[in-house]
């Protein structure tokens, strides 16, 4: 299954989401013009290496990707889910949330495999945080999804709470099955950690909104 769009239009222009996609695109285009040796050096210098953890690398690693499919998938997910979460949080808070979710994702992977010397790159963990917040804030939404089984089958609407819930459970399952916290080059625990951070932010936002509604009911 591959998501195409959701059904909830953004009320404001998602300037932070667009900016993040633009920055990731520029970084990926820069990577493409490097030869293999320089590309590997960039990943080693700016990626998150659990055994040599650096907070600065958490930020820089979010703007590097391993290949075109890695980059494209991340940007599609960010575009689908980012605009609505940015709508709800506001532009400045969304930017801080994105970086914070990426940090939580990196720490989850470091905790799962603290001795790893494999560099971790990509915006997947931060985007997982966006997906976790969306899961809590827009449970009534539906995701227009392309379904494949060897060949293309159909485009259907899937409840967001089901699509994202299954995605999260798969990350946890693959993380638990993988040895040393990694599997096939995919940092599953980073995905799960980012999603969990997004859940917490979404829960806080729902509680805050409910408090405001209760307050205004009391006033009126």
N, C-alpha and C. Protein backbone atom coordinates (compact mmCIF):
# COMPACT_ATOMS: atom_id res chain seq x y z
N UNK A 1 0.84 -1.19 0.00
CA UNK A 1 0.00 0.00 0.00
C UNK A 1 0.88 1.24 0.00
N UNK A 2 0.48 2.24 -0.76
CA UNK A 2 1.23 3.49 -0.81
C UNK A 2 0.25 4.65 -0.76
N UNK A 3 0.38 5.57 0.22
CA UNK A 3 -0.58 6.67 0.35
C UNK A 3 -0.42 7.70 -0.77
N UNK A 4 -1.53 8.26 -1.21
CA UNK A 4 -1.53 9.29 -2.25
C UNK A 4 -1.92 10.64 -1.68
N UNK A 5 -2.96 10.65 -0.84
CA UNK A 5 -3.40 11.90 -0.21
C UNK A 5 -4.36 11.56 0.91
N UNK A 6 -4.65 12.58 1.74
CA UNK A 6 -5.71 12.41 2.73
C UNK A 6 -6.91 13.23 2.27
N UNK A 7 -7.98 13.23 3.06
CA UNK A 7 -9.21 13.90 2.63
C UNK A 7 -9.44 15.22 3.34
N UNK A 8 -8.49 15.63 4.21
CA UNK A 8 -8.68 16.86 4.97
C UNK A 8 -7.81 17.96 4.37
N UNK A 9 -8.44 19.00 3.79
CA UNK A 9 -7.65 20.09 3.22
C UNK A 9 -7.02 20.95 4.31
N UNK A 10 -5.88 21.51 4.01
CA UNK A 10 -5.21 22.41 4.96
C UNK A 10 -5.90 23.76 4.95
N UNK A 11 -6.08 24.34 6.13
CA UNK A 11 -6.73 25.65 6.22
C UNK A 11 -5.75 26.79 5.98
N UNK A 12 -4.48 26.53 6.19
CA UNK A 12 -3.45 27.55 6.00
C UNK A 12 -2.37 27.01 5.06
N UNK A 13 -1.57 27.89 4.53
CA UNK A 13 -0.48 27.45 3.66
C UNK A 13 0.60 26.79 4.52
N UNK A 14 0.93 25.53 4.25
CA UNK A 14 1.90 24.80 5.09
C UNK A 14 3.34 25.19 4.76
N UNK A 15 3.72 26.39 5.15
CA UNK A 15 5.02 26.94 4.74
C UNK A 15 6.19 26.13 5.31
N UNK A 16 6.05 25.61 6.52
CA UNK A 16 7.14 24.84 7.12
C UNK A 16 7.27 23.49 6.42
N UNK A 17 6.15 22.84 6.16
CA UNK A 17 6.19 21.57 5.44
C UNK A 17 6.82 21.74 4.07
N UNK A 18 6.41 22.77 3.35
CA UNK A 18 6.97 23.04 2.02
C UNK A 18 8.47 23.34 2.13
N UNK A 19 8.85 24.11 3.15
CA UNK A 19 10.27 24.46 3.34
C UNK A 19 11.10 23.22 3.64
N UNK A 20 10.56 22.32 4.48
CA UNK A 20 11.28 21.09 4.80
C UNK A 20 11.48 20.22 3.56
N UNK A 21 10.44 20.14 2.74
CA UNK A 21 10.55 19.37 1.49
C UNK A 21 11.58 20.01 0.57
N UNK A 22 11.57 21.34 0.49
CA UNK A 22 12.53 22.04 -0.36
C UNK A 22 13.97 21.82 0.12
N UNK A 23 14.18 21.91 1.43
CA UNK A 23 15.53 21.71 1.98
C UNK A 23 16.01 20.28 1.75
N UNK A 24 15.12 19.32 1.95
CA UNK A 24 15.49 17.93 1.70
C UNK A 24 15.80 17.69 0.22
N UNK A 25 15.04 18.35 -0.65
CA UNK A 25 15.27 18.21 -2.08
C UNK A 25 16.63 18.78 -2.48
N UNK A 26 16.96 19.95 -1.96
CA UNK A 26 18.25 20.57 -2.25
C UNK A 26 19.40 19.69 -1.75
N UNK A 27 19.23 19.15 -0.53
CA UNK A 27 20.27 18.29 0.03
C UNK A 27 20.43 17.02 -0.81
N UNK A 28 19.31 16.45 -1.26
CA UNK A 28 19.40 15.23 -2.06
C UNK A 28 20.03 15.50 -3.42
N UNK A 29 19.70 16.64 -4.04
CA UNK A 29 20.33 17.00 -5.31
C UNK A 29 21.83 17.19 -5.13
N UNK A 30 22.23 17.74 -3.98
CA UNK A 30 23.66 17.88 -3.69
C UNK A 30 24.31 16.50 -3.56
N UNK A 31 23.64 15.58 -2.88
CA UNK A 31 24.18 14.22 -2.75
C UNK A 31 24.37 13.55 -4.11
N UNK A 32 23.42 13.80 -5.01
CA UNK A 32 23.47 13.14 -6.31
C UNK A 32 24.69 13.53 -7.13
N UNK A 33 25.19 14.75 -6.91
CA UNK A 33 26.33 15.18 -7.72
C UNK A 33 27.67 14.78 -7.12
N UNK A 34 27.64 14.09 -5.97
CA UNK A 34 28.88 13.61 -5.35
C UNK A 34 29.25 12.23 -5.90
N UNK A 35 30.53 11.93 -5.97
CA UNK A 35 30.92 10.57 -6.33
C UNK A 35 30.74 9.66 -5.11
N UNK A 36 30.91 8.36 -5.29
CA UNK A 36 30.62 7.41 -4.22
C UNK A 36 31.45 7.67 -2.96
N UNK A 37 32.71 8.00 -3.14
CA UNK A 37 33.59 8.21 -1.99
C UNK A 37 33.14 9.42 -1.17
N UNK A 38 32.85 10.52 -1.85
CA UNK A 38 32.42 11.73 -1.15
C UNK A 38 31.03 11.54 -0.53
N UNK A 39 30.17 10.79 -1.21
CA UNK A 39 28.84 10.52 -0.68
C UNK A 39 28.92 9.73 0.62
N UNK A 40 29.76 8.71 0.63
CA UNK A 40 29.95 7.91 1.86
C UNK A 40 30.54 8.77 2.97
N UNK A 41 31.48 9.61 2.62
CA UNK A 41 32.10 10.50 3.63
C UNK A 41 31.07 11.44 4.23
N UNK A 42 30.17 11.98 3.39
CA UNK A 42 29.12 12.87 3.88
C UNK A 42 28.22 12.16 4.87
N UNK A 43 27.84 10.93 4.54
CA UNK A 43 26.96 10.15 5.42
C UNK A 43 27.65 9.87 6.75
N UNK A 44 28.94 9.53 6.71
CA UNK A 44 29.67 9.24 7.94
C UNK A 44 29.85 10.50 8.80
N UNK A 45 30.00 11.63 8.16
CA UNK A 45 30.24 12.86 8.91
C UNK A 45 28.94 13.48 9.46
N UNK A 46 27.83 13.33 8.74
CA UNK A 46 26.60 14.02 9.12
C UNK A 46 25.48 13.09 9.57
N UNK A 47 25.67 11.78 9.44
CA UNK A 47 24.67 10.84 9.92
C UNK A 47 24.82 10.57 11.40
N UNK A 48 23.79 9.99 11.99
CA UNK A 48 23.82 9.62 13.41
C UNK A 48 24.44 8.24 13.56
N UNK A 49 25.55 8.16 14.26
CA UNK A 49 26.21 6.88 14.55
C UNK A 49 26.00 6.60 16.04
N UNK A 50 25.17 5.62 16.40
CA UNK A 50 24.84 5.39 17.81
C UNK A 50 26.05 5.30 18.73
N UNK A 51 27.11 4.61 18.31
CA UNK A 51 28.29 4.45 19.17
C UNK A 51 29.11 5.72 19.28
N UNK A 52 28.85 6.69 18.42
CA UNK A 52 29.57 7.97 18.45
C UNK A 52 28.55 9.11 18.39
N UNK A 53 27.58 9.04 19.28
CA UNK A 53 26.41 9.93 19.19
C UNK A 53 26.79 11.39 19.37
N UNK A 54 26.18 12.24 18.52
CA UNK A 54 26.35 13.69 18.60
C UNK A 54 25.00 14.34 18.32
N UNK A 55 24.60 15.28 19.18
CA UNK A 55 23.30 15.93 19.00
C UNK A 55 23.24 16.72 17.69
N UNK A 56 24.37 17.28 17.27
CA UNK A 56 24.39 18.01 16.01
C UNK A 56 24.06 17.12 14.83
N UNK A 57 24.52 15.87 14.88
CA UNK A 57 24.26 14.93 13.79
C UNK A 57 22.78 14.58 13.68
N UNK A 58 22.04 14.72 14.78
CA UNK A 58 20.61 14.42 14.74
C UNK A 58 19.92 15.31 13.72
N UNK A 59 20.27 16.59 13.71
CA UNK A 59 19.64 17.53 12.79
C UNK A 59 20.13 17.31 11.37
N UNK A 60 21.43 17.22 11.18
CA UNK A 60 21.95 17.09 9.81
C UNK A 60 21.52 15.78 9.16
N UNK A 61 21.39 14.73 9.96
CA UNK A 61 21.01 13.42 9.39
C UNK A 61 19.62 13.44 8.79
N UNK A 62 18.76 14.35 9.27
CA UNK A 62 17.37 14.41 8.79
C UNK A 62 17.27 14.89 7.34
N UNK A 63 18.34 15.47 6.82
CA UNK A 63 18.28 16.04 5.48
C UNK A 63 19.12 15.25 4.47
N UNK A 64 19.50 14.02 4.85
CA UNK A 64 20.24 13.15 3.95
C UNK A 64 19.42 11.88 3.69
N UNK A 65 19.53 11.34 2.48
CA UNK A 65 18.79 10.12 2.15
C UNK A 65 19.69 9.16 1.38
N UNK A 66 19.36 7.88 1.51
CA UNK A 66 20.21 6.85 0.94
C UNK A 66 20.05 6.67 -0.56
N UNK A 67 18.82 6.84 -1.08
CA UNK A 67 18.58 6.69 -2.51
C UNK A 67 17.29 7.41 -2.86
N UNK A 68 16.92 7.34 -4.14
CA UNK A 68 15.75 8.09 -4.62
C UNK A 68 14.46 7.62 -3.97
N UNK A 69 14.28 6.30 -3.83
CA UNK A 69 13.04 5.79 -3.23
C UNK A 69 12.92 6.20 -1.76
N UNK A 70 14.05 6.18 -1.05
CA UNK A 70 14.07 6.63 0.34
C UNK A 70 13.63 8.09 0.43
N UNK A 71 14.21 8.92 -0.43
CA UNK A 71 13.87 10.34 -0.46
C UNK A 71 12.41 10.55 -0.87
N UNK A 72 11.98 9.94 -1.96
CA UNK A 72 10.63 10.15 -2.47
C UNK A 72 9.57 9.70 -1.48
N UNK A 73 9.75 8.52 -0.90
CA UNK A 73 8.78 8.03 0.07
C UNK A 73 8.63 8.96 1.25
N UNK A 74 9.75 9.43 1.78
CA UNK A 74 9.70 10.35 2.92
C UNK A 74 8.98 11.65 2.58
N UNK A 75 9.27 12.20 1.41
CA UNK A 75 8.66 13.47 1.04
C UNK A 75 7.16 13.33 0.78
N UNK A 76 6.74 12.21 0.22
CA UNK A 76 5.31 11.98 0.01
C UNK A 76 4.59 11.89 1.34
N UNK A 77 5.14 11.14 2.28
CA UNK A 77 4.52 11.02 3.59
C UNK A 77 4.49 12.36 4.31
N UNK A 78 5.57 13.14 4.21
CA UNK A 78 5.60 14.46 4.84
C UNK A 78 4.55 15.37 4.24
N UNK A 79 4.40 15.34 2.92
CA UNK A 79 3.43 16.20 2.26
C UNK A 79 2.00 15.82 2.65
N UNK A 80 1.70 14.53 2.73
CA UNK A 80 0.34 14.09 3.05
C UNK A 80 -0.05 14.44 4.48
N UNK A 81 0.84 14.17 5.43
CA UNK A 81 0.48 14.31 6.84
C UNK A 81 0.96 15.62 7.47
N UNK A 82 1.96 16.25 6.87
CA UNK A 82 2.55 17.41 7.51
C UNK A 82 1.68 18.64 7.51
N UNK A 83 0.94 18.88 6.41
CA UNK A 83 0.18 20.13 6.32
C UNK A 83 -0.89 20.24 7.40
N UNK A 84 -1.58 19.14 7.68
CA UNK A 84 -2.65 19.18 8.69
C UNK A 84 -2.10 19.32 10.10
N UNK A 85 -1.00 18.63 10.39
CA UNK A 85 -0.39 18.76 11.71
C UNK A 85 0.16 20.17 11.89
N UNK A 86 0.75 20.73 10.84
CA UNK A 86 1.23 22.11 10.91
C UNK A 86 0.06 23.06 11.13
N UNK A 87 -1.06 22.79 10.48
CA UNK A 87 -2.29 23.55 10.69
C UNK A 87 -2.66 23.61 12.17
N UNK A 88 -2.58 22.47 12.82
CA UNK A 88 -3.04 22.33 14.20
C UNK A 88 -2.04 22.93 15.19
N UNK A 89 -0.74 22.74 14.93
CA UNK A 89 0.28 23.21 15.86
C UNK A 89 0.66 24.67 15.64
N UNK A 90 0.51 25.15 14.41
CA UNK A 90 1.06 26.45 14.06
C UNK A 90 2.44 26.28 13.47
N UNK A 91 2.87 27.24 12.67
CA UNK A 91 4.10 27.07 11.90
C UNK A 91 5.34 26.90 12.78
N UNK A 92 5.54 27.81 13.74
CA UNK A 92 6.75 27.77 14.56
C UNK A 92 6.80 26.50 15.41
N UNK A 93 5.68 26.16 16.04
CA UNK A 93 5.65 24.98 16.90
C UNK A 93 5.83 23.70 16.08
N UNK A 94 5.30 23.71 14.85
CA UNK A 94 5.47 22.53 14.00
C UNK A 94 6.94 22.33 13.65
N UNK A 95 7.64 23.42 13.36
CA UNK A 95 9.07 23.30 13.05
C UNK A 95 9.83 22.72 14.23
N UNK A 96 9.54 23.20 15.44
CA UNK A 96 10.21 22.68 16.64
C UNK A 96 9.82 21.23 16.89
N UNK A 97 8.54 20.93 16.66
CA UNK A 97 8.06 19.56 16.85
C UNK A 97 8.77 18.60 15.90
N UNK A 98 8.95 19.00 14.65
CA UNK A 98 9.60 18.15 13.66
C UNK A 98 11.02 17.80 14.10
N UNK A 99 11.77 18.80 14.54
CA UNK A 99 13.14 18.55 15.00
C UNK A 99 13.13 17.69 16.26
N UNK A 100 12.19 18.00 17.18
CA UNK A 100 12.11 17.22 18.42
C UNK A 100 11.74 15.78 18.17
N UNK A 101 10.82 15.53 17.25
CA UNK A 101 10.43 14.16 16.93
C UNK A 101 11.59 13.41 16.30
N UNK A 102 12.36 14.12 15.45
CA UNK A 102 13.55 13.50 14.87
C UNK A 102 14.57 13.14 15.93
N UNK A 103 14.70 14.00 16.93
CA UNK A 103 15.60 13.71 18.04
C UNK A 103 15.15 12.51 18.84
N UNK A 104 13.84 12.45 19.12
CA UNK A 104 13.30 11.30 19.87
C UNK A 104 13.50 10.01 19.08
N UNK A 105 13.33 10.08 17.77
CA UNK A 105 13.52 8.90 16.93
C UNK A 105 14.97 8.43 16.97
N UNK A 106 15.89 9.37 16.86
CA UNK A 106 17.31 9.00 16.90
C UNK A 106 17.68 8.38 18.24
N UNK A 107 17.17 8.93 19.33
CA UNK A 107 17.48 8.41 20.65
C UNK A 107 16.90 7.00 20.84
N UNK A 108 15.74 6.74 20.24
CA UNK A 108 15.15 5.40 20.33
C UNK A 108 16.05 4.38 19.64
N UNK A 109 16.60 4.75 18.48
CA UNK A 109 17.49 3.84 17.76
C UNK A 109 18.81 3.65 18.50
N UNK A 110 19.32 4.74 19.09
CA UNK A 110 20.56 4.65 19.88
C UNK A 110 20.35 3.75 21.08
N UNK A 111 19.21 3.88 21.73
CA UNK A 111 18.90 3.03 22.90
C UNK A 111 18.78 1.56 22.48
N UNK A 112 18.20 1.33 21.29
CA UNK A 112 18.00 -0.05 20.83
C UNK A 112 19.31 -0.71 20.44
N UNK A 113 20.26 0.09 19.92
CA UNK A 113 21.52 -0.50 19.45
C UNK A 113 22.66 0.48 19.71
N UNK A 114 23.04 0.67 20.98
CA UNK A 114 24.01 1.72 21.33
C UNK A 114 25.42 1.50 20.82
N UNK A 115 25.77 0.28 20.43
CA UNK A 115 27.14 0.01 19.97
C UNK A 115 27.27 0.02 18.45
N UNK A 116 26.18 0.32 17.76
CA UNK A 116 26.21 0.29 16.30
C UNK A 116 27.11 1.37 15.72
N UNK A 117 27.85 1.01 14.69
CA UNK A 117 28.69 1.96 13.97
C UNK A 117 28.11 2.29 12.59
N UNK A 118 26.87 1.90 12.37
CA UNK A 118 26.21 2.17 11.10
C UNK A 118 25.55 3.55 11.13
N UNK A 119 25.90 4.44 10.21
CA UNK A 119 25.29 5.77 10.20
C UNK A 119 23.79 5.68 9.88
N UNK A 120 23.02 6.50 10.56
CA UNK A 120 21.58 6.55 10.34
C UNK A 120 21.24 7.90 9.71
N UNK A 121 20.58 7.88 8.55
CA UNK A 121 20.20 9.11 7.87
C UNK A 121 18.74 9.04 7.44
N UNK A 122 18.19 10.20 7.12
CA UNK A 122 16.82 10.26 6.62
C UNK A 122 15.89 10.99 7.56
N UNK A 123 14.82 11.52 6.98
CA UNK A 123 13.82 12.25 7.76
C UNK A 123 12.72 11.33 8.29
N UNK A 124 12.90 10.01 8.12
CA UNK A 124 11.84 9.06 8.46
C UNK A 124 11.38 9.17 9.91
N UNK A 125 12.32 9.31 10.85
CA UNK A 125 11.94 9.37 12.25
C UNK A 125 11.11 10.59 12.58
N UNK A 126 11.52 11.75 12.05
CA UNK A 126 10.76 12.98 12.28
C UNK A 126 9.39 12.90 11.62
N UNK A 127 9.34 12.33 10.41
CA UNK A 127 8.06 12.19 9.72
C UNK A 127 7.17 11.19 10.44
N UNK A 128 7.75 10.16 11.04
CA UNK A 128 6.97 9.23 11.86
C UNK A 128 6.32 9.98 13.02
N UNK A 129 7.02 10.97 13.58
CA UNK A 129 6.43 11.80 14.63
C UNK A 129 5.22 12.56 14.11
N UNK A 130 5.32 13.09 12.91
CA UNK A 130 4.19 13.79 12.28
C UNK A 130 3.02 12.82 12.11
N UNK A 131 3.32 11.60 11.70
CA UNK A 131 2.27 10.60 11.51
C UNK A 131 1.61 10.23 12.84
N UNK A 132 2.42 10.14 13.90
CA UNK A 132 1.86 9.84 15.22
C UNK A 132 0.93 10.94 15.69
N UNK A 133 1.31 12.20 15.48
CA UNK A 133 0.44 13.31 15.87
C UNK A 133 -0.84 13.29 15.04
N UNK A 134 -0.72 13.02 13.75
CA UNK A 134 -1.89 12.93 12.86
C UNK A 134 -2.84 11.83 13.34
N UNK A 135 -2.28 10.72 13.75
CA UNK A 135 -3.06 9.57 14.24
C UNK A 135 -4.00 9.98 15.37
N UNK A 136 -3.51 10.85 16.27
CA UNK A 136 -4.32 11.29 17.41
C UNK A 136 -5.22 12.46 17.07
N UNK A 137 -4.74 13.36 16.22
CA UNK A 137 -5.47 14.60 15.96
C UNK A 137 -6.55 14.45 14.89
N UNK A 138 -6.38 13.49 13.98
CA UNK A 138 -7.34 13.33 12.87
C UNK A 138 -7.77 11.88 12.71
N UNK A 139 -8.29 11.28 13.76
CA UNK A 139 -8.67 9.86 13.68
C UNK A 139 -9.82 9.61 12.70
N UNK A 140 -10.60 10.67 12.39
CA UNK A 140 -11.73 10.51 11.48
C UNK A 140 -11.32 10.60 10.02
N UNK A 141 -10.08 10.94 9.74
CA UNK A 141 -9.61 11.12 8.37
C UNK A 141 -9.51 9.77 7.65
N UNK A 142 -9.43 9.88 6.33
CA UNK A 142 -9.21 8.69 5.50
C UNK A 142 -8.06 8.97 4.54
N UNK A 143 -7.33 7.93 4.20
CA UNK A 143 -6.15 8.05 3.35
C UNK A 143 -6.43 7.39 2.01
N UNK A 144 -6.31 8.18 0.93
CA UNK A 144 -6.45 7.62 -0.41
C UNK A 144 -5.16 6.85 -0.71
N UNK A 145 -5.30 5.54 -0.94
CA UNK A 145 -4.15 4.64 -0.97
C UNK A 145 -4.13 3.79 -2.24
N UNK A 146 -2.97 3.74 -2.87
CA UNK A 146 -2.78 2.83 -4.00
C UNK A 146 -2.40 1.46 -3.46
N UNK A 147 -3.11 0.45 -3.89
CA UNK A 147 -2.89 -0.91 -3.40
C UNK A 147 -2.23 -1.73 -4.51
N UNK A 148 -1.13 -2.40 -4.16
CA UNK A 148 -0.38 -3.22 -5.12
C UNK A 148 -0.31 -4.65 -4.61
N UNK A 149 -0.41 -5.60 -5.51
CA UNK A 149 -0.14 -7.00 -5.21
C UNK A 149 0.51 -7.59 -6.46
N UNK A 150 1.83 -7.48 -6.50
CA UNK A 150 2.63 -7.80 -7.68
C UNK A 150 2.44 -6.72 -8.75
N UNK A 151 1.16 -6.48 -9.13
CA UNK A 151 0.84 -5.40 -10.07
C UNK A 151 -0.15 -4.46 -9.40
N UNK A 152 -0.34 -3.28 -9.99
CA UNK A 152 -1.28 -2.30 -9.45
C UNK A 152 -2.69 -2.87 -9.45
N UNK A 153 -3.42 -2.70 -8.36
CA UNK A 153 -4.78 -3.20 -8.27
C UNK A 153 -5.81 -2.08 -8.28
N UNK A 154 -5.73 -1.16 -7.33
CA UNK A 154 -6.80 -0.16 -7.21
C UNK A 154 -6.36 0.97 -6.29
N UNK A 155 -7.14 2.04 -6.29
CA UNK A 155 -6.98 3.14 -5.34
C UNK A 155 -8.20 3.15 -4.43
N UNK A 156 -7.97 3.03 -3.14
CA UNK A 156 -9.08 2.95 -2.19
C UNK A 156 -8.85 3.92 -1.03
N UNK A 157 -9.93 4.22 -0.31
CA UNK A 157 -9.82 5.03 0.90
C UNK A 157 -9.73 4.12 2.11
N UNK A 158 -8.72 4.36 2.93
CA UNK A 158 -8.50 3.58 4.14
C UNK A 158 -8.57 4.52 5.34
N UNK A 159 -9.27 4.15 6.42
CA UNK A 159 -9.29 5.01 7.61
C UNK A 159 -7.88 5.30 8.09
N UNK A 160 -7.60 6.56 8.37
CA UNK A 160 -6.25 6.96 8.78
C UNK A 160 -5.81 6.22 10.03
N UNK A 161 -6.74 6.01 10.96
CA UNK A 161 -6.39 5.36 12.22
C UNK A 161 -5.95 3.91 11.97
N UNK A 162 -6.52 3.28 10.93
CA UNK A 162 -6.11 1.91 10.57
C UNK A 162 -4.78 1.93 9.83
N UNK A 163 -4.66 2.79 8.82
CA UNK A 163 -3.43 2.87 8.02
C UNK A 163 -2.23 3.15 8.91
N UNK A 164 -2.33 4.17 9.76
CA UNK A 164 -1.20 4.56 10.61
C UNK A 164 -0.98 3.57 11.74
N UNK A 165 -2.06 3.02 12.28
CA UNK A 165 -1.92 2.03 13.34
C UNK A 165 -1.19 0.79 12.87
N UNK A 166 -1.55 0.30 11.69
CA UNK A 166 -0.87 -0.87 11.14
C UNK A 166 0.59 -0.54 10.84
N UNK A 167 0.84 0.66 10.30
CA UNK A 167 2.22 1.06 10.00
C UNK A 167 3.07 1.05 11.26
N UNK A 168 2.54 1.59 12.36
CA UNK A 168 3.28 1.63 13.62
C UNK A 168 3.54 0.23 14.16
N UNK A 169 2.53 -0.63 14.12
CA UNK A 169 2.70 -1.99 14.61
C UNK A 169 3.74 -2.75 13.80
N UNK A 170 3.79 -2.50 12.50
CA UNK A 170 4.80 -3.15 11.67
C UNK A 170 6.21 -2.70 12.04
N UNK A 171 6.37 -1.40 12.38
CA UNK A 171 7.69 -0.92 12.78
C UNK A 171 8.14 -1.61 14.07
N UNK A 172 7.23 -1.73 15.03
CA UNK A 172 7.55 -2.39 16.29
C UNK A 172 7.87 -3.86 16.06
N UNK A 173 7.06 -4.52 15.22
CA UNK A 173 7.27 -5.94 14.94
C UNK A 173 8.61 -6.17 14.26
N UNK A 174 8.91 -5.37 13.24
CA UNK A 174 10.19 -5.54 12.54
C UNK A 174 11.36 -5.18 13.45
N UNK A 175 11.17 -4.17 14.29
CA UNK A 175 12.23 -3.81 15.22
C UNK A 175 12.52 -4.93 16.20
N UNK A 176 11.45 -5.56 16.70
CA UNK A 176 11.63 -6.66 17.65
C UNK A 176 12.26 -7.88 17.00
N UNK A 177 11.99 -8.08 15.71
CA UNK A 177 12.52 -9.25 15.01
C UNK A 177 13.96 -9.05 14.53
N UNK A 178 14.36 -7.78 14.37
CA UNK A 178 15.69 -7.52 13.83
C UNK A 178 16.73 -7.63 14.92
N UNK A 179 17.89 -8.05 14.55
CA UNK A 179 18.98 -8.21 15.52
C UNK A 179 19.73 -6.90 15.66
N UNK A 180 20.09 -6.55 16.89
CA UNK A 180 20.87 -5.35 17.13
C UNK A 180 20.13 -4.07 16.88
N UNK A 181 18.77 -4.13 16.79
CA UNK A 181 17.98 -2.91 16.62
C UNK A 181 17.83 -2.47 15.18
N UNK A 182 18.46 -3.13 14.20
CA UNK A 182 18.36 -2.74 12.81
C UNK A 182 17.98 -3.95 11.98
N UNK A 183 17.34 -3.70 10.85
CA UNK A 183 16.99 -4.78 9.96
C UNK A 183 17.03 -4.32 8.52
N UNK A 184 17.93 -4.91 7.75
CA UNK A 184 18.01 -4.58 6.34
C UNK A 184 18.33 -3.12 6.08
N UNK A 185 19.06 -2.48 6.98
CA UNK A 185 19.40 -1.08 6.78
C UNK A 185 18.31 -0.12 7.18
N UNK A 186 17.22 -0.60 7.74
CA UNK A 186 16.10 0.25 8.14
C UNK A 186 16.09 0.39 9.66
N UNK A 187 16.06 1.63 10.14
CA UNK A 187 16.06 1.89 11.59
C UNK A 187 14.62 1.86 12.11
N UNK A 188 14.10 0.65 12.30
CA UNK A 188 12.70 0.50 12.69
C UNK A 188 12.40 1.13 14.05
N UNK A 189 13.36 1.05 14.98
CA UNK A 189 13.09 1.63 16.30
C UNK A 189 13.06 3.15 16.25
N UNK A 190 13.77 3.73 15.30
CA UNK A 190 13.68 5.18 15.10
C UNK A 190 12.28 5.55 14.64
N UNK A 191 11.73 4.77 13.73
CA UNK A 191 10.36 5.02 13.26
C UNK A 191 9.37 4.91 14.43
N UNK A 192 9.51 3.84 15.20
CA UNK A 192 8.60 3.63 16.32
C UNK A 192 8.74 4.72 17.37
N UNK A 193 9.99 5.12 17.66
CA UNK A 193 10.22 6.16 18.65
C UNK A 193 9.67 7.50 18.21
N UNK A 194 9.85 7.84 16.93
CA UNK A 194 9.30 9.08 16.42
C UNK A 194 7.78 9.09 16.48
N UNK A 195 7.17 7.97 16.10
CA UNK A 195 5.71 7.86 16.13
C UNK A 195 5.19 8.01 17.56
N UNK A 196 5.86 7.38 18.51
CA UNK A 196 5.44 7.48 19.91
C UNK A 196 5.54 8.93 20.41
N UNK A 197 6.59 9.64 20.00
CA UNK A 197 6.72 11.05 20.37
C UNK A 197 5.56 11.86 19.79
N UNK A 198 5.18 11.55 18.56
CA UNK A 198 4.05 12.24 17.94
C UNK A 198 2.74 11.94 18.65
N UNK A 199 2.59 10.70 19.11
CA UNK A 199 1.39 10.32 19.88
C UNK A 199 1.28 11.19 21.13
N UNK A 200 2.39 11.38 21.83
CA UNK A 200 2.37 12.18 23.05
C UNK A 200 1.99 13.63 22.77
N UNK A 201 2.52 14.19 21.69
CA UNK A 201 2.18 15.56 21.33
C UNK A 201 0.71 15.65 20.92
N UNK A 202 0.24 14.67 20.14
CA UNK A 202 -1.17 14.66 19.76
C UNK A 202 -2.09 14.53 20.95
N UNK A 203 -1.71 13.70 21.93
CA UNK A 203 -2.50 13.55 23.14
C UNK A 203 -2.57 14.86 23.92
N UNK A 204 -1.43 15.55 24.02
CA UNK A 204 -1.41 16.84 24.70
C UNK A 204 -2.33 17.84 23.99
N UNK A 205 -2.27 17.88 22.66
CA UNK A 205 -3.10 18.81 21.91
C UNK A 205 -4.59 18.52 22.09
N UNK A 206 -4.96 17.26 22.11
CA UNK A 206 -6.36 16.91 22.31
C UNK A 206 -6.84 17.28 23.71
N UNK A 207 -5.99 17.05 24.70
CA UNK A 207 -6.35 17.42 26.07
C UNK A 207 -6.46 18.93 26.21
N UNK A 208 -5.54 19.66 25.56
CA UNK A 208 -5.59 21.13 25.61
C UNK A 208 -6.85 21.66 24.95
N UNK A 209 -7.20 21.09 23.78
CA UNK A 209 -8.40 21.53 23.07
C UNK A 209 -9.65 21.23 23.88
N UNK A 210 -9.68 20.06 24.53
CA UNK A 210 -10.84 19.71 25.36
C UNK A 210 -10.95 20.67 26.54
N UNK A 211 -9.83 21.03 27.14
CA UNK A 211 -9.82 21.99 28.25
C UNK A 211 -10.39 23.34 27.79
N UNK A 212 -9.98 23.78 26.61
CA UNK A 212 -10.49 25.05 26.09
C UNK A 212 -11.99 24.98 25.85
N UNK A 213 -12.45 23.86 25.29
CA UNK A 213 -13.89 23.72 25.05
C UNK A 213 -14.67 23.72 26.35
N UNK A 214 -14.16 23.02 27.35
CA UNK A 214 -14.83 22.99 28.66
C UNK A 214 -14.86 24.38 29.29
N UNK A 215 -13.78 25.13 29.12
CA UNK A 215 -13.69 26.49 29.68
C UNK A 215 -14.75 27.39 29.07
N UNK A 216 -14.84 27.36 27.74
CA UNK A 216 -15.78 28.26 27.07
C UNK A 216 -17.22 27.84 27.30
N UNK A 217 -17.46 26.54 27.52
CA UNK A 217 -18.82 26.12 27.89
C UNK A 217 -19.20 26.71 29.24
N UNK A 218 -18.21 26.71 30.17
CA UNK A 218 -18.46 27.28 31.49
C UNK A 218 -18.69 28.78 31.43
N UNK A 219 -17.98 29.47 30.53
CA UNK A 219 -18.14 30.93 30.40
C UNK A 219 -19.50 31.28 29.83
N UNK A 220 -19.93 30.48 28.85
CA UNK A 220 -21.22 30.79 28.20
C UNK A 220 -22.38 30.17 28.95
